[in-house]
Amino acid sequence: MLKRFPGTGYRESALFWLGNASYANKDYKASLAQFRQMQALAPTHLRVPEAMLAVSNVQIELKDLKAARKTMEDLIKAFPQSEAAQAAKERLAKLR
């Protein structure tokens, strides 16, 4: 759908869900690319905090703990009141 209708108003949401599907299928590189593309296209999208948390999950799966910590710290700073930020705080505490 994204290739056929690149200008759709649902592109960002579609990328978010594709990122989740790729993650579930353990295609971590695709998942990371989809979440990052979603964030780049719509940095104020409602799902950006969740996408950032998902990126940190992918980074953990890829054994890049330094990047995962930074992503979670950025998430907490950018979206301190979000549920994703709370989850990031809990995960950071476990990673230290």
Protein backbone atom coordinates (compact mmCIF):
# COMPACT_ATOMS: atom_id res chain seq x y z
CA MET A 1 0.00 0.00 0.00
CA LEU A 2 2.79 2.43 0.84
CA LYS A 3 4.43 1.85 -2.52
CA ARG A 4 1.16 2.15 -4.41
CA PHE A 5 -0.16 5.18 -2.47
CA PRO A 6 2.92 6.99 -1.15
CA GLY A 7 1.01 10.20 -0.38
CA THR A 8 -1.58 8.61 1.88
CA GLY A 9 -2.34 10.38 5.12
CA TYR A 10 -1.92 7.08 6.91
CA ARG A 11 1.72 6.56 5.91
CA GLU A 12 3.13 7.27 9.36
CA SER A 13 0.67 4.97 11.10
CA ALA A 14 1.30 2.27 8.51
CA LEU A 15 5.05 2.53 9.10
CA PHE A 16 4.48 2.22 12.85
CA TRP A 17 2.47 -0.99 12.41
CA LEU A 18 4.91 -2.35 9.83
CA GLY A 19 7.70 -1.74 12.33
CA ASN A 20 5.81 -3.76 14.90
CA ALA A 21 5.16 -6.57 12.41
CA SER A 22 8.82 -6.67 11.40
CA TYR A 23 9.83 -6.77 15.06
CA ALA A 24 7.45 -9.66 15.71
CA ASN A 25 9.04 -11.51 12.77
CA LYS A 26 12.51 -10.78 14.18
CA ASP A 27 13.43 -8.65 11.16
CA TYR A 28 15.09 -6.11 13.41
CA LYS A 29 16.86 -4.10 10.72
CA ALA A 30 13.60 -3.54 8.81
CA SER A 31 11.79 -2.75 12.04
CA LEU A 32 14.38 -0.16 13.01
CA ALA A 33 14.20 1.46 9.57
CA GLN A 34 10.40 1.59 9.62
CA PHE A 35 10.19 3.11 13.09
CA ARG A 36 12.85 5.69 12.24
CA GLN A 37 11.18 6.57 8.95
CA MET A 38 7.90 7.04 10.80
CA GLN A 39 9.58 9.37 13.31
CA ALA A 40 11.31 11.36 10.57
CA LEU A 41 8.09 11.85 8.61
CA ALA A 42 5.98 12.88 11.60
CA PRO A 43 7.98 13.85 14.71
CA THR A 44 4.81 14.98 16.49
CA HIS A 45 2.73 11.90 15.66
CA LEU A 46 0.83 10.45 18.61
CA ARG A 47 2.72 7.16 18.33
CA VAL A 48 6.25 8.62 18.30
CA PRO A 49 6.89 7.87 22.01
CA GLU A 50 5.87 4.25 21.41
CA ALA A 51 8.04 4.13 18.30
CA MET A 52 11.01 5.40 20.29
CA LEU A 53 10.45 2.73 22.92
CA ALA A 54 10.20 0.14 20.16
CA VAL A 55 13.48 1.40 18.68
CA SER A 56 15.13 0.85 22.05
CA ASN A 57 13.72 -2.70 22.10
CA VAL A 58 15.21 -3.34 18.67
CA GLN A 59 18.54 -1.94 19.80
CA ILE A 60 18.50 -4.27 22.79
CA GLU A 61 17.78 -7.23 20.49
CA LEU A 62 20.72 -6.13 18.33
CA LYS A 63 22.88 -6.01 21.50
CA ASP A 64 23.47 -2.24 21.19
CA LEU A 65 22.78 -1.35 24.81
CA LYS A 66 24.51 2.02 24.60
CA ALA A 67 22.19 3.10 21.78
CA ALA A 68 19.16 1.67 23.60
CA ARG A 69 19.98 3.67 26.72
CA LYS A 70 20.36 6.86 24.68
CA THR A 71 17.08 6.27 22.86
CA MET A 72 15.26 5.77 26.16
CA GLU A 73 16.89 8.85 27.69
CA ASP A 74 15.86 10.89 24.62
CA LEU A 75 12.33 9.51 24.92
CA ILE A 76 12.08 10.49 28.58
CA LYS A 77 13.39 13.97 27.82
CA ALA A 78 11.13 14.57 24.80
CA PHE A 79 7.92 12.98 26.12
CA PRO A 80 8.21 12.94 29.93
CA GLN A 81 4.49 12.49 30.59
CA SER A 82 3.95 9.61 28.18
CA GLU A 83 3.36 6.00 29.17
CA ALA A 84 6.29 5.07 26.95
CA ALA A 85 8.56 7.34 29.01
CA GLN A 86 7.46 5.60 32.19
CA ALA A 87 8.21 2.23 30.63
CA ALA A 88 11.58 3.56 29.48
CA LYS A 89 12.42 4.66 33.03
CA GLU A 90 11.64 1.17 34.32
CA ARG A 91 13.70 -0.50 31.60
CA LEU A 92 16.62 1.85 32.14
CA ALA A 93 16.67 0.96 35.82
CA LYS A 94 16.94 -2.73 34.89
CA LEU A 95 19.72 -2.11 32.34
CA ARG A 96 22.01 -0.30 34.78
